[in-house]
C-alpha atoms as a PDB file:
ATOM      1  CA  MET A   1       0.454  28.824 -54.913  1.00  0.00           C
ATOM      2  CA  VAL A   2      -0.408  30.827 -57.949  1.00  0.00           C
ATOM      3  CA  THR A   3       1.285  33.802 -59.509  1.00  0.00           C
ATOM      4  CA  ARG A   4      -0.824  36.278 -61.390  1.00  0.00           C
ATOM      5  CA  THR A   5       0.878  38.473 -64.151  1.00  0.00           C
ATOM      6  CA  PRO A   6      -0.870  41.447 -65.435  1.00  0.00           C
ATOM      7  CA  LEU A   7      -0.808  41.145 -69.475  1.00  0.00           C
ATOM      8  CA  TRP A   8       0.074  45.221 -70.030  1.00  0.00           C
ATOM      9  CA  ARG A   9       0.624  44.226 -73.727  1.00  0.00           C
ATOM     10  CA  LEU A  10       0.162  47.798 -75.411  1.00  0.00           C
ATOM     11  CA  TRP A  11      -0.720  49.698 -72.262  1.00  0.00           C
ATOM     12  CA  ARG A  12       2.953  50.602 -71.532  1.00  0.00           C
ATOM     13  CA  LEU A  13       2.776  52.505 -74.865  1.00  0.00           C
ATOM     14  CA  LEU A  14      -0.174  54.359 -73.747  1.00  0.00           C
ATOM     15  CA  ALA A  15       1.777  55.192 -70.595  1.00  0.00           C
ATOM     16  CA  VAL A  16       4.456  56.617 -72.545  1.00  0.00           C
ATOM     17  CA  LEU A  17       1.938  58.959 -74.698  1.00  0.00           C
ATOM     18  CA  LEU A  18       0.348  59.787 -71.481  1.00  0.00           C
ATOM     19  CA  LEU A  19       3.735  61.149 -70.126  1.00  0.00           C
ATOM     20  CA  ALA A  20       4.192  62.888 -73.402  1.00  0.00           C
ATOM     21  CA  TYR A  21       1.024  64.706 -73.329  1.00  0.00           C
ATOM     22  CA  GLY A  22       1.667  65.723 -69.496  1.00  0.00           C
ATOM     23  CA  SER A  23       5.158  67.156 -70.590  1.00  0.00           C
ATOM     24  CA  ALA A  24       6.843  68.146 -73.964  1.00  0.00           C
ATOM     25  CA  GLY A  25       3.810  67.488 -75.966  1.00  0.00           C
ATOM     26  CA  CYS A  26       5.634  67.691 -79.344  1.00  0.00           C
ATOM     27  CA  GLY A  27       6.031  64.900 -82.365  1.00  0.00           C
ATOM     28  CA  ALA A  28       9.704  64.437 -81.937  1.00  0.00           C
ATOM     29  CA  TYR A  29       9.367  63.567 -78.305  1.00  0.00           C
ATOM     30  CA  VAL A  30       6.626  61.314 -78.674  1.00  0.00           C
ATOM     31  CA  ALA A  31       8.529  59.512 -81.284  1.00  0.00           C
ATOM     32  CA  ARG A  32      11.496  59.153 -79.204  1.00  0.00           C
ATOM     33  CA  ARG A  33       9.255  57.742 -76.452  1.00  0.00           C
ATOM     34  CA  MET A  34       8.057  55.028 -79.201  1.00  0.00           C
ATOM     35  CA  VAL A  35      11.151  53.727 -79.824  1.00  0.00           C
ATOM     36  CA  GLN A  36      12.412  53.650 -75.879  1.00  0.00           C
ATOM     37  CA  ALA A  37      12.913  50.213 -74.435  1.00  0.00           C
ATOM     38  CA  PRO A  38       9.557  49.064 -72.995  1.00  0.00           C
ATOM     39  CA  ASN A  39      11.540  47.512 -69.942  1.00  0.00           C
ATOM     40  CA  THR A  40      12.747  50.871 -69.056  1.00  0.00           C
ATOM     41  CA  TYR A  41       9.252  52.645 -68.838  1.00  0.00           C
ATOM     42  CA  PRO A  42       7.798  53.182 -65.330  1.00  0.00           C
ATOM     43  CA  GLN A  43       6.008  50.155 -63.892  1.00  0.00           C
ATOM     44  CA  TRP A  44       3.417  52.348 -61.405  1.00  0.00           C
ATOM     45  CA  PHE A  45       2.326  54.653 -64.382  1.00  0.00           C
ATOM     46  CA  ALA A  46      -0.094  52.096 -66.605  1.00  0.00           C
ATOM     47  CA  PRO A  47      -3.442  51.257 -65.897  1.00  0.00           C
ATOM     48  CA  ALA A  48      -5.169  48.046 -64.535  1.00  0.00           C
ATOM     49  CA  ALA A  49      -4.493  45.520 -67.279  1.00  0.00           C
ATOM     50  CA  PRO A  50      -7.452  43.873 -68.977  1.00  0.00           C
ATOM     51  CA  VAL A  51      -5.930  40.434 -68.699  1.00  0.00           C
ATOM     52  CA  LEU A  52      -4.233  38.425 -66.022  1.00  0.00           C
ATOM     53  CA  LEU A  53      -2.241  35.063 -66.651  1.00  0.00           C
ATOM     54  CA  ALA A  54      -2.318  32.812 -63.654  1.00  0.00           C
ATOM     55  CA  TYR A  55       0.197  30.082 -63.313  1.00  0.00           C
ATOM     56  CA  SER A  56       2.665  28.421 -60.980  1.00  0.00           C
ATOM     57  CA  PRO A  57       5.826  30.227 -59.954  1.00  0.00           C
ATOM     58  CA  LYS A  58       7.657  27.117 -61.206  1.00  0.00           C
ATOM     59  CA  PHE A  59       6.025  27.808 -64.782  1.00  0.00           C
ATOM     60  CA  LEU A  60       9.385  29.244 -66.348  1.00  0.00           C
ATOM     61  CA  THR A  61      12.297  28.497 -63.316  1.00  0.00           C
ATOM     62  CA  ASN A  62      12.548  25.003 -64.590  1.00  0.00           C
ATOM     63  CA  PHE A  63      13.960  26.112 -67.951  1.00  0.00           C
ATOM     64  CA  PRO A  64      17.226  28.045 -67.106  1.00  0.00           C
ATOM     65  CA  LYS A  65      17.631  31.608 -68.433  1.00  0.00           C
ATOM     66  CA  GLN A  66      20.357  31.828 -71.097  1.00  0.00           C
ATOM     67  CA  PHE A  67      21.934  34.641 -73.074  1.00  0.00           C
ATOM     68  CA  ALA A  68      23.090  35.547 -76.662  1.00  0.00           C
ATOM     69  CA  ALA A  69      25.310  38.942 -77.421  1.00  0.00           C
ATOM     70  CA  VAL A  70      23.252  40.321 -80.545  1.00  0.00           C
ATOM     71  CA  GLY A  71      23.638  43.662 -82.608  1.00  0.00           C
ATOM     72  CA  PRO A  72      24.769  46.242 -83.689  1.00  0.00           C
ATOM     73  CA  PRO A  73      23.360  47.887 -81.836  1.00  0.00           C
ATOM     74  CA  SER A  74      24.822  45.640 -79.217  1.00  0.00           C
ATOM     75  CA  ALA A  75      22.440  43.756 -76.886  1.00  0.00           C
ATOM     76  CA  GLN A  76      21.969  40.825 -74.739  1.00  0.00           C
ATOM     77  CA  LEU A  77      18.884  38.445 -75.590  1.00  0.00           C
ATOM     78  CA  CYS A  78      17.653  36.366 -72.703  1.00  0.00           C
ATOM     79  CA  TYR A  79      16.074  33.217 -73.739  1.00  0.00           C
ATOM     80  CA  ARG A  80      14.696  29.721 -72.526  1.00  0.00           C
ATOM     81  CA  VAL A  81      14.656  26.216 -73.966  1.00  0.00           C
ATOM     82  CA  VAL A  82      11.898  24.302 -73.605  1.00  0.00           C
ATOM     83  CA  GLU A  83      12.519  20.459 -74.537  1.00  0.00           C
ATOM     84  CA  PRO A  84       9.643  18.163 -75.493  1.00  0.00           C
ATOM     85  CA  ALA A  85       8.166  16.392 -72.373  1.00  0.00           C
ATOM     86  CA  ALA A  86       4.631  15.252 -71.148  1.00  0.00           C
ATOM     87  CA  TYR A  87       3.792  18.949 -69.721  1.00  0.00           C
ATOM     88  CA  ASP A  88      -0.145  18.104 -70.269  1.00  0.00           C
ATOM     89  CA  LEU A  89      -1.138  21.732 -70.233  1.00  0.00           C
ATOM     90  CA  THR A  90      -4.700  22.568 -69.014  1.00  0.00           C
ATOM     91  CA  VAL A  91      -6.004  26.202 -69.734  1.00  0.00           C
ATOM     92  CA  ALA A  92      -9.298  27.612 -67.995  1.00  0.00           C
ATOM     93  CA  ALA A  93     -10.642  31.397 -68.200  1.00  0.00           C
ATOM     94  CA  THR A  94     -12.972  33.689 -66.137  1.00  0.00           C
ATOM     95  CA  ASN A  95     -14.701  36.732 -67.290  1.00  0.00           C
ATOM     96  CA  TRP A  96     -15.984  39.533 -65.358  1.00  0.00           C
ATOM     97  CA  THR A  97     -16.672  43.166 -65.502  1.00  0.00           C
ATOM     98  CA  GLU A  98     -14.870  45.614 -63.227  1.00  0.00           C
ATOM     99  CA  HIS A  99     -16.135  49.598 -63.186  1.00  0.00           C
ATOM    100  CA  GLY A 100     -17.446  48.792 -66.514  1.00  0.00           C
ATOM    101  CA  HIS A 101     -14.535  47.091 -68.123  1.00  0.00           C
ATOM    102  CA  PRO A 102     -14.356  43.376 -69.419  1.00  0.00           C
ATOM    103  CA  ARG A 103     -11.577  41.553 -67.374  1.00  0.00           C
ATOM    104  CA  THR A 104     -10.296  38.186 -68.178  1.00  0.00           C
ATOM    105  CA  GLU A 105      -7.997  35.836 -66.207  1.00  0.00           C
ATOM    106  CA  PHE A 106      -6.452  32.766 -67.829  1.00  0.00           C
ATOM    107  CA  PHE A 107      -5.314  30.093 -65.548  1.00  0.00           C
ATOM    108  CA  PHE A 108      -2.594  27.287 -66.952  1.00  0.00           C
ATOM    109  CA  ASN A 109      -1.578  24.065 -64.989  1.00  0.00           C
ATOM    110  CA  ALA A 110       1.049  21.787 -66.248  1.00  0.00           C
ATOM    111  CA  ASN A 111       3.536  18.953 -65.042  1.00  0.00           C
ATOM    112  CA  LEU A 112       6.614  20.639 -63.711  1.00  0.00           C
ATOM    113  CA  PRO A 113       8.905  19.318 -63.740  1.00  0.00           C
ATOM    114  CA  ALA A 114       7.520  16.853 -66.586  1.00  0.00           C
ATOM    115  CA  PRO A 115       8.040  13.271 -67.540  1.00  0.00           C
ATOM    116  CA  THR A 116       9.837  12.556 -70.637  1.00  0.00           C
ATOM    117  CA  ASN A 117       7.766  11.781 -73.627  1.00  0.00           C
ATOM    118  CA  GLN A 118       8.191  10.141 -77.290  1.00  0.00           C
ATOM    119  CA  TRP A 119       9.796  13.329 -78.709  1.00  0.00           C
ATOM    120  CA  THR A 120      12.163  14.430 -75.946  1.00  0.00           C
ATOM    121  CA  LEU A 121      15.367  12.769 -77.459  1.00  0.00           C
ATOM    122  CA  GLN A 122      14.268  13.594 -81.061  1.00  0.00           C
ATOM    123  CA  PRO A 123      12.317  16.915 -81.202  1.00  0.00           C
ATOM    124  CA  ARG A 124      10.120  17.370 -84.370  1.00  0.00           C
ATOM    125  CA  GLY A 125      11.595  20.817 -84.785  1.00  0.00           C
ATOM    126  CA  THR A 126      12.443  24.131 -83.217  1.00  0.00           C
ATOM    127  CA  VAL A 127       9.916  26.553 -82.841  1.00  0.00           C
ATOM    128  CA  PHE A 128      10.356  30.318 -81.537  1.00  0.00           C
ATOM    129  CA  LEU A 129       8.135  32.097 -79.431  1.00  0.00           C
ATOM    130  CA  LEU A 130       7.738  35.887 -79.956  1.00  0.00           C
ATOM    131  CA  HIS A 131       5.782  37.873 -77.567  1.00  0.00           C
ATOM    132  CA  GLY A 132       3.897  41.347 -77.910  1.00  0.00           C
ATOM    133  CA  TYR A 133       4.967  44.765 -77.423  1.00  0.00           C
ATOM    134  CA  ALA A 134       6.076  45.498 -73.818  1.00  0.00           C
ATOM    135  CA  LEU A 135       5.723  41.701 -72.776  1.00  0.00           C
ATOM    136  CA  ALA A 136       8.473  39.106 -72.215  1.00  0.00           C
ATOM    137  CA  GLN A 137       8.992  35.284 -72.323  1.00  0.00           C
ATOM    138  CA  PHE A 138       6.138  34.739 -69.735  1.00  0.00           C
ATOM    139  CA  SER A 139       3.424  35.448 -72.090  1.00  0.00           C
ATOM    140  CA  MET A 140       4.325  32.662 -74.283  1.00  0.00           C
ATOM    141  CA  ALA A 141       5.293  30.080 -72.032  1.00  0.00           C
ATOM    142  CA  PRO A 142       1.854  28.604 -72.468  1.00  0.00           C
ATOM    143  CA  TRP A 143       2.464  27.948 -75.990  1.00  0.00           C
ATOM    144  CA  ALA A 144       6.013  26.741 -75.188  1.00  0.00           C
ATOM    145  CA  LEU A 145       4.345  23.780 -72.939  1.00  0.00           C
ATOM    146  CA  ARG A 146       1.696  22.987 -75.375  1.00  0.00           C
ATOM    147  CA  LEU A 147       4.053  22.753 -78.448  1.00  0.00           C
ATOM    148  CA  ALA A 148       6.744  20.962 -76.704  1.00  0.00           C
ATOM    149  CA  GLN A 149       4.198  18.378 -75.080  1.00  0.00           C
ATOM    150  CA  ALA A 150       3.634  17.746 -79.085  1.00  0.00           C
ATOM    151  CA  GLY A 151       7.211  17.247 -79.771  1.00  0.00           C
ATOM    152  CA  TRP A 152       8.804  20.528 -80.424  1.00  0.00           C
ATOM    153  CA  ARG A 153      11.967  22.141 -79.187  1.00  0.00           C
ATOM    154  CA  CYS A 154      10.485  25.795 -78.115  1.00  0.00           C
ATOM    155  CA  VAL A 155      12.755  28.927 -77.474  1.00  0.00           C
ATOM    156  CA  LEU A 156      11.071  31.774 -75.363  1.00  0.00           C
ATOM    157  CA  VAL A 157      12.807  34.891 -76.224  1.00  0.00           C
ATOM    158  CA  ASP A 158      12.839  38.241 -74.524  1.00  0.00           C
ATOM    159  CA  LEU A 159      13.068  40.653 -77.619  1.00  0.00           C
ATOM    160  CA  ARG A 160      15.667  43.523 -77.066  1.00  0.00           C
ATOM    161  CA  GLY A 161      14.526  46.239 -74.993  1.00  0.00           C
ATOM    162  CA  HIS A 162      11.713  43.597 -73.352  1.00  0.00           C
ATOM    163  CA  GLY A 163      12.035  41.612 -70.147  1.00  0.00           C
ATOM    164  CA  LYS A 164      15.483  40.676 -69.097  1.00  0.00           C
ATOM    165  CA  SER A 165      16.908  41.679 -72.621  1.00  0.00           C
ATOM    166  CA  THR A 166      18.763  44.643 -72.848  1.00  0.00           C
ATOM    167  CA  GLY A 167      18.885  47.395 -75.524  1.00  0.00           C
ATOM    168  CA  ASP A 168      18.134  51.020 -75.234  1.00  0.00           C
ATOM    169  CA  ARG A 169      15.979  51.225 -78.255  1.00  0.00           C
ATOM    170  CA  ILE A 170      13.444  48.968 -80.009  1.00  0.00           C
ATOM    171  CA  TYR A 171      13.315  49.121 -84.096  1.00  0.00           C
ATOM    172  CA  TYR A 172       9.782  47.551 -84.874  1.00  0.00           C
ATOM    173  CA  GLY A 173      11.404  44.564 -86.439  1.00  0.00           C
ATOM    174  CA  LEU A 174      14.184  46.889 -88.360  1.00  0.00           C
ATOM    175  CA  LYS A 175      16.798  45.346 -86.231  1.00  0.00           C
ATOM    176  CA  GLU A 176      15.104  42.561 -84.319  1.00  0.00           C
ATOM    177  CA  VAL A 177      15.304  40.012 -87.388  1.00  0.00           C
ATOM    178  CA  HIS A 178      19.134  40.236 -87.183  1.00  0.00           C
ATOM    179  CA  ASP A 179      18.881  39.720 -83.311  1.00  0.00           C
ATOM    180  CA  LEU A 180      17.131  36.509 -83.801  1.00  0.00           C
ATOM    181  CA  SER A 181      19.405  35.335 -86.807  1.00  0.00           C
ATOM    182  CA  GLN A 182      22.304  35.726 -84.467  1.00  0.00           C
ATOM    183  CA  LEU A 183      20.497  33.865 -81.595  1.00  0.00           C
ATOM    184  CA  LEU A 184      19.683  31.240 -84.392  1.00  0.00           C
ATOM    185  CA  ASP A 185      23.314  30.825 -84.919  1.00  0.00           C
ATOM    186  CA  GLN A 186      24.216  30.575 -81.349  1.00  0.00           C
ATOM    187  CA  LEU A 187      21.862  27.713 -80.926  1.00  0.00           C
ATOM    188  CA  GLY A 188      23.015  25.786 -83.827  1.00  0.00           C
ATOM    189  CA  GLN A 189      26.499  26.331 -82.428  1.00  0.00           C
ATOM    190  CA  ASN A 190      25.431  24.855 -78.747  1.00  0.00           C
ATOM    191  CA  GLY A 191      23.973  21.903 -80.562  1.00  0.00           C
ATOM    192  CA  GLN A 192      19.963  23.047 -79.621  1.00  0.00           C
ATOM    193  CA  LEU A 193      18.868  23.420 -82.806  1.00  0.00           C
ATOM    194  CA  GLN A 194      16.535  20.728 -84.639  1.00  0.00           C
ATOM    195  CA  ALA A 195      15.288  21.307 -88.062  1.00  0.00           C
ATOM    196  CA  PRO A 196      13.030  22.713 -88.954  1.00  0.00           C
ATOM    197  CA  VAL A 197      12.562  25.855 -87.730  1.00  0.00           C
ATOM    198  CA  ALA A 198       9.175  27.724 -87.338  1.00  0.00           C
ATOM    199  CA  VAL A 199       8.318  30.848 -85.289  1.00  0.00           C
ATOM    200  CA  VAL A 200       4.761  31.548 -83.569  1.00  0.00           C
ATOM    201  CA  GLY A 201       4.335  35.176 -82.767  1.00  0.00           C
ATOM    202  CA  GLU A 202       1.539  37.483 -81.259  1.00  0.00           C
ATOM    203  CA  SER A 203       0.994  40.891 -82.026  1.00  0.00           C
ATOM    204  CA  TYR A 204       4.268  42.868 -82.145  1.00  0.00           C
ATOM    205  CA  GLY A 205       5.940  39.390 -82.203  1.00  0.00           C
ATOM    206  CA  ALA A 206       3.730  38.204 -84.876  1.00  0.00           C
ATOM    207  CA  VAL A 207       5.109  40.907 -87.343  1.00  0.00           C
ATOM    208  CA  LEU A 208       8.640  40.192 -86.121  1.00  0.00           C
ATOM    209  CA  ALA A 209       7.751  36.615 -87.122  1.00  0.00           C
ATOM    210  CA  LEU A 210       6.783  37.475 -90.426  1.00  0.00           C
ATOM    211  CA  ARG A 211       9.702  40.330 -90.959  1.00  0.00           C
ATOM    212  CA  TRP A 212      11.766  37.390 -89.922  1.00  0.00           C
ATOM    213  CA  GLN A 213      10.505  34.725 -92.372  1.00  0.00           C
ATOM    214  CA  ALA A 214      11.131  37.448 -95.065  1.00  0.00           C
ATOM    215  CA  ALA A 215      14.762  37.748 -93.904  1.00  0.00           C
ATOM    216  CA  GLU A 216      15.941  34.638 -93.028  1.00  0.00           C
ATOM    217  CA  PRO A 217      16.133  31.519 -95.496  1.00  0.00           C
ATOM    218  CA  ARG A 218      16.362  29.044 -92.457  1.00  0.00           C
ATOM    219  CA  VAL A 219      12.826  29.995 -91.185  1.00  0.00           C
ATOM    220  CA  GLY A 220      10.073  27.854 -92.259  1.00  0.00           C
ATOM    221  CA  PRO A 221       6.341  27.621 -90.761  1.00  0.00           C
ATOM    222  CA  VAL A 222       5.492  30.940 -89.523  1.00  0.00           C
ATOM    223  CA  VAL A 223       2.075  31.641 -86.925  1.00  0.00           C
ATOM    224  CA  ALA A 224       1.240  35.181 -86.840  1.00  0.00           C
ATOM    225  CA  ILE A 225      -1.365  35.939 -84.042  1.00  0.00           C
ATOM    226  CA  ALA A 226      -2.856  39.290 -84.455  1.00  0.00           C
ATOM    227  CA  PRO A 227      -0.303  40.867 -86.503  1.00  0.00           C
ATOM    228  CA  TYR A 228      -0.765  44.787 -87.084  1.00  0.00           C
ATOM    229  CA  ALA A 229      -0.813  45.642 -90.890  1.00  0.00           C
ATOM    230  CA  VAL A 230       0.191  49.684 -90.887  1.00  0.00           C
ATOM    231  CA  LEU A 231       1.969  50.591 -87.696  1.00  0.00           C
ATOM    232  CA  SER A 232       0.520  54.250 -87.810  1.00  0.00           C
ATOM    233  CA  ASN A 233      -3.212  52.863 -87.910  1.00  0.00           C
ATOM    234  CA  THR A 234      -2.445  50.392 -84.854  1.00  0.00           C
ATOM    235  CA  VAL A 235      -1.135  53.516 -82.924  1.00  0.00           C
ATOM    236  CA  MET A 236      -4.407  55.451 -83.637  1.00  0.00           C
ATOM    237  CA  ASN A 237      -6.608  52.332 -82.749  1.00  0.00           C
ATOM    238  CA  LEU A 238      -4.976  52.322 -79.630  1.00  0.00           C
ATOM    239  CA  ARG A 239      -5.536  55.720 -78.954  1.00  0.00           C
ATOM    240  CA  GLN A 240      -9.091  55.377 -79.853  1.00  0.00           C
ATOM    241  CA  GLU A 241      -9.650  52.123 -78.111  1.00  0.00           C
ATOM    242  CA  TYR A 242      -7.884  53.066 -74.481  1.00  0.00           C
ATOM    243  CA  ALA A 243      -7.380  56.812 -74.592  1.00  0.00           C
ATOM    244  CA  SER A 244      -9.622  58.777 -76.660  1.00  0.00           C
ATOM    245  CA  TRP A 245      -9.142  61.931 -74.744  1.00  0.00           C
ATOM    246  CA  LEU A 246      -5.848  62.115 -75.959  1.00  0.00           C
ATOM    247  CA  PRO A 247      -5.428  64.552 -78.824  1.00  0.00           C
ATOM    248  CA  ALA A 248      -5.197  62.663 -81.987  1.00  0.00           C
ATOM    249  CA  SER A 249      -3.092  65.239 -83.473  1.00  0.00           C
ATOM    250  CA  LEU A 250      -0.115  64.653 -80.755  1.00  0.00           C
ATOM    251  CA  ILE A 251      -0.207  61.082 -81.780  1.00  0.00           C
ATOM    252  CA  ARG A 252      -0.268  61.664 -85.474  1.00  0.00           C
ATOM    253  CA  ALA A 253       2.581  64.291 -84.785  1.00  0.00           C
ATOM    254  CA  GLY A 254       4.582  61.269 -83.194  1.00  0.00           C
ATOM    255  CA  VAL A 255       3.822  58.866 -85.803  1.00  0.00           C
ATOM    256  CA  ARG A 256       4.822  61.140 -88.788  1.00  0.00           C
ATOM    257  CA  GLN A 257       8.172  61.508 -86.791  1.00  0.00           C
ATOM    258  CA  LEU A 258       8.928  58.016 -86.320  1.00  0.00           C
ATOM    259  CA  PRO A 259      10.521  57.258 -89.634  1.00  0.00           C
ATOM    260  CA  ALA A 260      12.885  59.851 -89.135  1.00  0.00           C
ATOM    261  CA  VAL A 261      13.858  58.826 -85.478  1.00  0.00           C
ATOM    262  CA  LEU A 262      14.459  55.330 -87.143  1.00  0.00           C
ATOM    263  CA  ASN A 263      15.860  56.552 -90.018  1.00  0.00           C
ATOM    264  CA  VAL A 264      13.672  54.575 -92.676  1.00  0.00           C
ATOM    265  CA  PRO A 265      11.393  55.426 -95.069  1.00  0.00           C
ATOM    266  CA  ALA A 266       7.627  55.520 -93.377  1.00  0.00           C
ATOM    267  CA  ASP A 267       6.305  52.538 -95.431  1.00  0.00           C
ATOM    268  CA  GLU A 268       9.114  50.421 -94.084  1.00  0.00           C
ATOM    269  CA  LEU A 269       7.462  50.158 -90.613  1.00  0.00           C
ATOM    270  CA  ASP A 270       4.233  49.000 -92.205  1.00  0.00           C
ATOM    271  CA  THR A 271       3.945  44.838 -92.413  1.00  0.00           C
ATOM    272  CA  THR A 272       1.882  45.182 -95.672  1.00  0.00           C
ATOM    273  CA  THR A 273       5.181  46.536 -97.380  1.00  0.00           C
ATOM    274  CA  VAL A 274       7.211  43.397 -96.148  1.00  0.00           C
ATOM    275  CA  LEU A 275       4.806  40.920 -97.364  1.00  0.00           C
ATOM    276  CA  ALA A 276       4.048  42.675-100.764  1.00  0.00           C
ATOM    277  CA  ARG A 277       7.697  42.565-101.045  1.00  0.00           C
ATOM    278  CA  SER A 278       8.255  38.929 -99.948  1.00  0.00           C
ATOM    279  CA  PRO A 279       5.038  37.086-100.001  1.00  0.00           C
ATOM    280  CA  HIS A 280       5.899  33.836 -97.836  1.00  0.00           C
ATOM    281  CA  ARG A 281       3.285  31.606 -96.699  1.00  0.00           C
ATOM    282  CA  ALA A 282       1.713  31.861 -93.151  1.00  0.00           C
ATOM    283  CA  LEU A 283      -0.793  31.081 -91.078  1.00  0.00           C
ATOM    284  CA  PHE A 284      -2.881  34.139 -89.885  1.00  0.00           C
ATOM    285  CA  VAL A 285      -5.044  34.447 -86.921  1.00  0.00           C
ATOM    286  CA  ALA A 286      -7.489  37.170 -85.845  1.00  0.00           C
ATOM    287  CA  GLY A 287     -10.144  38.199 -83.277  1.00  0.00           C
ATOM    288  CA  THR A 288     -13.564  39.226 -84.364  1.00  0.00           C
ATOM    289  CA  ASN A 289     -13.542  41.815 -81.248  1.00  0.00           C
ATOM    290  CA  ASP A 290      -9.630  42.995 -81.604  1.00  0.00           C
ATOM    291  CA  LYS A 291     -10.035  46.485 -82.108  1.00  0.00           C
ATOM    292  CA  ILE A 292      -6.205  46.914 -82.313  1.00  0.00           C
ATOM    293  CA  ALA A 293      -5.235  44.849 -85.188  1.00  0.00           C
ATOM    294  CA  PRO A 294      -8.650  44.127 -86.547  1.00  0.00           C
ATOM    295  CA  ALA A 295      -9.981  41.192 -88.521  1.00  0.00           C
ATOM    296  CA  PRO A 296     -10.239  42.810 -92.154  1.00  0.00           C
ATOM    297  CA  ASP A 297      -6.385  44.396 -91.402  1.00  0.00           C
ATOM    298  CA  VAL A 298      -5.151  40.837 -90.727  1.00  0.00           C
ATOM    299  CA  ALA A 299      -7.280  39.346 -93.611  1.00  0.00           C
ATOM    300  CA  GLN A 300      -5.410  42.024 -95.823  1.00  0.00           C
ATOM    301  CA  LEU A 301      -1.879  40.624 -94.607  1.00  0.00           C
ATOM    302  CA  GLN A 302      -3.201  37.166 -95.582  1.00  0.00           C
ATOM    303  CA  ALA A 303      -4.127  38.307 -99.272  1.00  0.00           C
ATOM    304  CA  LEU A 304      -0.573  39.764 -99.407  1.00  0.00           C
ATOM    305  CA  ALA A 305       0.984  36.662 -98.194  1.00  0.00           C
ATOM    306  CA  GLY A 306       2.233  33.666-100.137  1.00  0.00           C
ATOM    307  CA  ALA A 307      -0.233  31.479-101.879  1.00  0.00           C
ATOM    308  CA  GLY A 308      -1.545  28.829 -99.449  1.00  0.00           C
ATOM    309  CA  SER A 309      -1.720  31.130 -96.604  1.00  0.00           C
ATOM    310  CA  ARG A 310      -4.550  30.620 -94.340  1.00  0.00           C
ATOM    311  CA  LEU A 311      -6.623  33.096 -91.979  1.00  0.00           C
ATOM    312  CA  ILE A 312      -8.626  31.979 -88.775  1.00  0.00           C
ATOM    313  CA  VAL A 313     -10.897  33.997 -86.997  1.00  0.00           C
ATOM    314  CA  VAL A 314     -11.652  33.426 -83.601  1.00  0.00           C
ATOM    315  CA  PRO A 315     -15.211  34.831 -82.565  1.00  0.00           C
ATOM    316  CA  GLU A 316     -15.355  37.164 -79.671  1.00  0.00           C
ATOM    317  CA  ALA A 317     -11.451  37.358 -78.992  1.00  0.00           C
ATOM    318  CA  THR A 318      -9.908  40.566 -78.290  1.00  0.00           C
ATOM    319  CA  HIS A 319      -6.316  41.716 -78.993  1.00  0.00           C
ATOM    320  CA  GLU A 320      -5.598  40.881 -75.437  1.00  0.00           C
ATOM    321  CA  THR A 321      -7.214  37.423 -75.071  1.00  0.00           C
ATOM    322  CA  LEU A 322      -6.867  36.047 -78.557  1.00  0.00           C
ATOM    323  CA  THR A 323      -3.413  34.419 -77.981  1.00  0.00           C
ATOM    324  CA  TYR A 324      -4.951  32.117 -75.100  1.00  0.00           C
ATOM    325  CA  TYR A 325      -7.793  30.740 -77.007  1.00  0.00           C
ATOM    326  CA  PHE A 326      -5.808  27.194 -77.044  1.00  0.00           C
ATOM    327  CA  GLN A 327      -9.667  25.202 -77.683  1.00  0.00           C
ATOM    328  CA  ASP A 328      -9.886  27.203 -81.046  1.00  0.00           C
ATOM    329  CA  LEU A 329      -6.061  27.514 -81.733  1.00  0.00           C
ATOM    330  CA  ALA A 330      -4.138  24.631 -80.541  1.00  0.00           C
ATOM    331  CA  SER A 331      -5.283  22.102 -83.014  1.00  0.00           C
ATOM    332  CA  PRO A 332      -4.766  24.490 -86.398  1.00  0.00           C
ATOM    333  CA  VAL A 333      -1.442  25.763 -85.319  1.00  0.00           C
ATOM    334  CA  LEU A 334      -0.110  22.111 -84.500  1.00  0.00           C
ATOM    335  CA  ASN A 335      -1.589  20.809 -87.940  1.00  0.00           C
ATOM    336  CA  TRP A 336       0.315  24.171 -89.671  1.00  0.00           C
ATOM    337  CA  LEU A 337       3.448  23.510 -88.238  1.00  0.00           C
ATOM    338  CA  ALA A 338       3.216  19.826 -89.077  1.00  0.00           C
ATOM    339  CA  SER A 339       2.391  20.203 -92.473  1.00  0.00           C
ATOM    340  CA  GLU A 340       4.746  23.345 -93.586  1.00  0.00           C
ATOM    341  CA  SER A 341       7.615  21.616 -91.891  1.00  0.00           C
ATOM    342  CA  THR A 342       8.539  19.788 -94.984  1.00  0.00           C
ATOM    343  CA  SER A 343       8.050  23.156 -97.143  1.00  0.00           C
ATOM    344  CA  PRO A 344      11.455  23.863 -99.058  1.00  0.00           C
ATOM    345  CA  ALA A 345      11.573  27.340 -97.031  1.00  0.00           C
ATOM    346  CA  ALA A 346      11.914  24.975 -93.786  1.00  0.00           C
ATOM    347  CA  VAL A 347      15.710  24.080 -94.541  1.00  0.00           C
ATOM    348  CA  LEU A 348      18.042  24.846 -91.993  1.00  0.00           C
ATOM    349  CA  GLU A 349      21.109  25.753 -93.811  1.00  0.00           C
ATOM    350  CA  LYS A 350      21.564  29.501 -95.485  1.00  0.00           C
ATOM    351  CA  GLN A 351      20.713  29.777 -98.865  1.00  0.00           C
END
């Protein structure tokens, strides 16, 4: 039996903007919807997703759900711990065109439950896996198995307002980094934390990974897959790519109101500001066909990051598909985690 899960990613934000267009149509309303928890959006409204993930229903059930209390504002984060084992993950893909739109389905197979391997009793470290906007743990589960079979204890997280986690709002990283540090504390208290601590994130999760690295001295190696540079540009890219008929003025009005809704200066929502202020080293990944977080934008972030940062550009990859180009990414990601795990930033104790 195979479960096929639509990869909505940023489509849910589009649904919110569509609802805004059909109702109030004002900037403040759009901004408030942009901070609404994505797991409260109507499931029926989003259009067909361009990417499907196909895997066994046992893909996640072998790893029990756990919860951590975080805040303020108070929320419960749902997470799963994936221990090192011989999962032997394989990945395949098929592509087709449907009504003039490209579609991709990724197929994942793994040993579940998996036999132990040489790393099971002594992991190489702990990797947090952070999903994209409006997604959840399932989207990074293939990476958890791939990294775990290479020796890393992996932590799959539903970010606040996503998946099975609670929280009425999201904060584009302004509050979420504190959530993650509290989860880090809980894992340490539970004996589930092995140094060094690394983070692999995609899209929105990649931005949170970079923000967390800047704020949390216990975080070492970071891999940022398709992070956005300037939030307002990304929202407009989304409109241009998926709903160009929506009035640009409506979306710009919402973006202008967003800092006031979150009570922060506008540039604090941009990843460029974070890296300019705290230029830590990271591995950046971009796709040549990514129109949401274009490769030049990711290159801009790499230029702002710490000395020794690296950029990988994957040919033909889109924003939706980039994360699953394992043939291009698995080796460099594993090499980055291994080489960076001995850096001073990878210490576990708080400075």
